[in-house]
Amino acid sequence: MPVRLVATDDWRPSSMTERRLLLLEREGLLRPRTSLSRPEWIAPAVDHREPRPPTSYVVSFAKFHRHSLGTPPSRFMRVLCHHYGVELQHFSPNVITVAAVFAAVCEGYLGMMPHWERWLHLYRGELFNAPAGAAGVRKPVRAGCLNLVLKTGKTERPHKYIPVGLSTNHAGWDSQWFYLRNDDDLLPAYTGRVITERPVNWTYGVVQVH
């Protein structure tokens, strides 16, 4: 049965207060605020029922930082955004984990920067649409639409790559959003764009241009 898409869900109101963000800061997961006029992070106002980040801020999630999203984000994370054509909120928490593990393997074990061709050989992007309550009907999501799938098959031996244990329960993560300062605008600006089709460059390997 073909999948039919219906209207996108609304954003869930944010549960991230200043107090909760200060706890992330104290855990070393967010940078301490050093500026009153342009702080490193901002808790959403109570009347923000959906993200309205100030200029040069993006939307991040507490779960991302607990899954090793650094501040400022690494060059590799920025490359992932630009290659897949997504904004930070389009990642799922497991994408953050997979990217962090891959970077750690390259830097900590192989003694090199994250190897881009190897990344494209191992992973492809998969578009996630949420169930809409009826068989064959799904709805685009505003956050977490990009998942990663590890290549498997007869020619791919999983034991050649480090096992990555991924959480299957991220309940409520998409309500933990807040505003993160986008230093030098290195991350794509937040537009609230909804992705409804899987782009061609989410495939395995380098996309061939004819």
Protein backbone atom coordinates (compact mmCIF):
# COMPACT_ATOMS: atom_id res chain seq x y z
CA MET A 1 0.00 0.00 0.00
CA PRO A 2 1.52 3.39 -0.96
CA VAL A 3 2.15 5.87 1.83
CA ARG A 4 -0.08 8.93 1.85
CA LEU A 5 1.16 12.06 3.60
CA VAL A 6 -1.16 14.35 5.53
CA ALA A 7 -0.68 17.70 7.25
CA THR A 8 2.39 18.18 9.43
CA ASP A 9 2.03 18.12 13.21
CA ASP A 10 2.39 21.33 15.16
CA TRP A 11 5.41 21.88 17.35
CA ARG A 12 5.10 20.66 20.92
CA PRO A 13 5.47 23.50 23.45
CA SER A 14 8.97 23.64 24.90
CA SER A 15 9.60 22.22 28.36
CA MET A 16 13.05 23.84 28.58
CA THR A 17 13.14 26.52 31.24
CA GLU A 18 16.17 28.57 32.20
CA ARG A 19 16.59 26.37 35.27
CA ARG A 20 16.78 23.21 33.17
CA LEU A 21 19.25 24.80 30.78
CA LEU A 22 21.40 25.90 33.71
CA LEU A 23 21.55 22.25 34.79
CA LEU A 24 22.86 21.33 31.32
CA GLU A 25 25.41 24.11 31.65
CA ARG A 26 26.57 22.82 35.04
CA GLU A 27 26.96 19.34 33.56
CA GLY A 28 29.31 20.81 30.98
CA LEU A 29 26.88 20.16 28.12
CA LEU A 30 26.31 23.84 27.29
CA ARG A 31 28.73 26.74 27.33
CA PRO A 32 28.34 29.16 30.25
CA ARG A 33 26.62 32.39 29.35
CA THR A 34 29.11 35.23 29.07
CA SER A 35 26.99 37.93 27.46
CA LEU A 36 23.70 39.48 28.53
CA SER A 37 23.01 40.91 25.08
CA ARG A 38 23.89 37.77 23.11
CA PRO A 39 23.97 34.76 25.46
CA GLU A 40 25.22 31.35 24.36
CA TRP A 41 21.74 29.87 24.86
CA ILE A 42 18.23 31.17 25.51
CA ALA A 43 15.17 29.51 27.02
CA PRO A 44 12.07 30.04 24.86
CA ALA A 45 9.57 32.61 26.07
CA VAL A 46 6.39 31.18 27.58
CA ASP A 47 4.31 32.53 24.68
CA HIS A 48 6.52 30.81 22.07
CA ARG A 49 4.29 27.89 21.12
CA GLU A 50 6.68 27.13 18.29
CA PRO A 51 10.31 28.21 17.77
CA ARG A 52 10.99 31.86 17.04
CA PRO A 53 14.76 32.07 17.49
CA PRO A 54 16.46 35.47 17.41
CA THR A 55 18.73 36.28 14.49
CA SER A 56 21.86 34.08 14.43
CA TYR A 57 20.33 31.48 16.75
CA VAL A 58 19.19 27.97 15.83
CA VAL A 59 16.87 25.46 17.49
CA SER A 60 18.57 22.72 19.49
CA PHE A 61 17.34 20.07 21.93
CA ALA A 62 18.54 18.94 25.34
CA LYS A 63 18.75 15.37 24.03
CA PHE A 64 21.22 16.41 21.34
CA HIS A 65 23.67 17.70 23.93
CA ARG A 66 23.26 14.61 26.09
CA HIS A 67 24.11 12.60 22.97
CA SER A 68 27.40 14.47 22.45
CA LEU A 69 26.51 17.49 20.34
CA GLY A 70 29.33 19.86 21.23
CA THR A 71 29.12 23.62 21.62
CA PRO A 72 30.16 25.06 19.33
CA PRO A 73 29.27 22.18 16.97
CA SER A 74 32.23 20.42 15.39
CA ARG A 75 33.22 20.91 11.78
CA PHE A 76 31.99 17.38 11.05
CA MET A 77 28.50 18.15 12.39
CA ARG A 78 28.39 21.30 10.28
CA VAL A 79 29.42 19.31 7.19
CA LEU A 80 26.59 16.83 7.87
CA CYS A 81 24.06 19.68 7.94
CA HIS A 82 25.27 21.10 4.66
CA HIS A 83 25.68 17.76 2.87
CA TYR A 84 22.20 16.47 3.76
CA GLY A 85 20.68 19.91 3.24
CA VAL A 86 19.11 20.04 6.70
CA GLU A 87 18.85 22.37 9.65
CA LEU A 88 19.91 21.25 13.12
CA GLN A 89 16.34 20.39 14.21
CA HIS A 90 16.02 17.92 11.32
CA PHE A 91 18.49 15.52 12.97
CA SER A 92 17.20 12.79 15.26
CA PRO A 93 18.99 12.15 18.58
CA ASN A 94 20.44 8.91 17.18
CA VAL A 95 22.06 10.82 14.31
CA ILE A 96 23.97 12.87 16.89
CA THR A 97 25.13 9.64 18.57
CA VAL A 98 26.19 7.98 15.31
CA ALA A 99 28.12 11.06 14.17
CA ALA A 100 29.88 11.40 17.54
CA VAL A 101 30.91 7.74 17.54
CA PHE A 102 32.19 7.93 13.96
CA ALA A 103 34.26 11.04 14.76
CA ALA A 104 35.65 9.36 17.91
CA VAL A 105 36.67 6.25 15.92
CA CYS A 106 38.47 8.36 13.31
CA GLU A 107 40.15 10.75 15.72
CA GLY A 108 40.77 8.50 18.72
CA TYR A 109 41.60 5.18 17.06
CA LEU A 110 42.71 5.98 13.52
CA GLY A 111 44.45 9.26 14.33
CA MET A 112 42.75 11.19 11.54
CA MET A 113 39.95 13.63 10.95
CA PRO A 114 36.54 12.06 10.19
CA HIS A 115 36.93 10.35 6.82
CA TRP A 116 34.17 11.70 4.60
CA GLU A 117 34.21 9.03 1.87
CA ARG A 118 34.12 6.29 4.50
CA TRP A 119 31.13 7.98 6.15
CA LEU A 120 29.26 8.07 2.84
CA HIS A 121 30.15 4.42 2.24
CA LEU A 122 28.78 3.35 5.63
CA TYR A 123 25.63 5.43 6.03
CA ARG A 124 22.66 6.65 4.07
CA GLY A 125 19.93 9.03 5.18
CA GLU A 126 16.39 7.83 5.69
CA LEU A 127 13.38 10.14 5.87
CA PHE A 128 11.14 9.59 8.90
CA ASN A 129 7.44 10.37 8.74
CA ALA A 130 5.29 9.75 11.80
CA PRO A 131 2.23 7.43 11.80
CA ALA A 132 -0.98 9.40 11.39
CA GLY A 133 -3.37 6.88 12.92
CA ALA A 134 -4.53 5.06 9.80
CA ALA A 135 -2.86 2.33 7.77
CA GLY A 136 -0.72 3.76 4.98
CA VAL A 137 -1.08 7.33 6.23
CA ARG A 138 1.86 9.21 7.70
CA LYS A 139 2.70 12.83 8.43
CA PRO A 140 5.93 14.81 8.00
CA VAL A 141 7.66 15.82 11.21
CA ARG A 142 9.15 19.19 12.03
CA ALA A 143 12.00 17.73 14.11
CA GLY A 144 13.92 14.49 13.71
CA CYS A 145 13.08 13.68 10.10
CA LEU A 146 16.62 12.50 9.23
CA ASN A 147 17.69 9.06 10.42
CA LEU A 148 20.83 7.15 9.42
CA VAL A 149 20.98 3.57 8.21
CA LEU A 150 24.21 1.55 8.40
CA LYS A 151 25.04 -0.36 5.23
CA THR A 152 24.73 -4.13 5.54
CA GLY A 153 24.69 -7.08 3.17
CA LYS A 154 26.87 -9.88 1.88
CA THR A 155 29.71 -7.55 0.93
CA GLU A 156 29.49 -5.55 4.17
CA ARG A 157 30.71 -7.29 7.30
CA PRO A 158 29.26 -5.51 10.36
CA HIS A 159 32.15 -6.69 12.56
CA LYS A 160 34.49 -4.45 10.54
CA TYR A 161 32.92 -1.39 12.15
CA ILE A 162 32.48 -0.62 15.84
CA PRO A 163 29.00 -1.57 17.16
CA VAL A 164 26.84 1.46 17.97
CA GLY A 165 24.12 0.90 20.52
CA LEU A 166 21.26 3.27 19.75
CA SER A 167 18.39 4.14 22.04
CA THR A 168 14.93 3.11 20.89
CA ASN A 169 13.12 5.36 23.36
CA HIS A 170 13.38 9.13 22.96
CA ALA A 171 9.96 9.94 24.33
CA GLY A 172 9.39 13.67 24.71
CA TRP A 173 12.71 14.75 23.21
CA ASP A 174 11.04 17.03 20.66
CA SER A 175 9.52 19.16 23.43
CA GLN A 176 12.97 19.92 24.88
CA TRP A 177 13.85 22.64 22.39
CA PHE A 178 15.63 25.91 23.06
CA TYR A 179 17.69 28.51 21.22
CA LEU A 180 21.40 27.96 20.66
CA ARG A 181 23.70 30.76 19.50
CA ASN A 182 24.96 30.12 15.97
CA ASP A 183 28.44 31.59 16.15
CA ASP A 184 29.62 33.00 12.79
CA ASP A 185 26.45 31.48 11.28
CA LEU A 186 28.34 28.23 10.66
CA LEU A 187 25.19 26.13 11.01
CA PRO A 188 22.34 26.55 8.50
CA ALA A 189 19.90 29.22 9.66
CA TYR A 190 16.60 28.10 11.15
CA THR A 191 13.71 28.49 8.72
CA GLY A 192 11.26 25.90 10.08
CA ARG A 193 11.33 24.10 6.73
CA VAL A 194 9.58 20.72 6.64
CA ILE A 195 11.20 17.98 4.51
CA THR A 196 8.60 15.81 2.78
CA GLU A 197 10.74 13.92 0.23
CA ARG A 198 14.05 12.07 0.59
CA PRO A 199 16.72 13.98 -1.38
CA VAL A 200 18.89 12.07 -3.84
CA ASN A 201 22.11 12.84 -1.94
CA TRP A 202 20.91 10.87 1.10
CA THR A 203 22.06 7.67 -0.66
CA TYR A 204 25.19 5.63 0.06
CA GLY A 205 28.39 6.88 -1.52
CA VAL A 206 29.29 10.02 -3.40
CA VAL A 207 26.49 11.26 -5.65
CA GLN A 208 27.55 11.10 -9.30
CA VAL A 209 26.98 14.31 -11.24
CA HIS A 210 26.44 13.81 -14.98
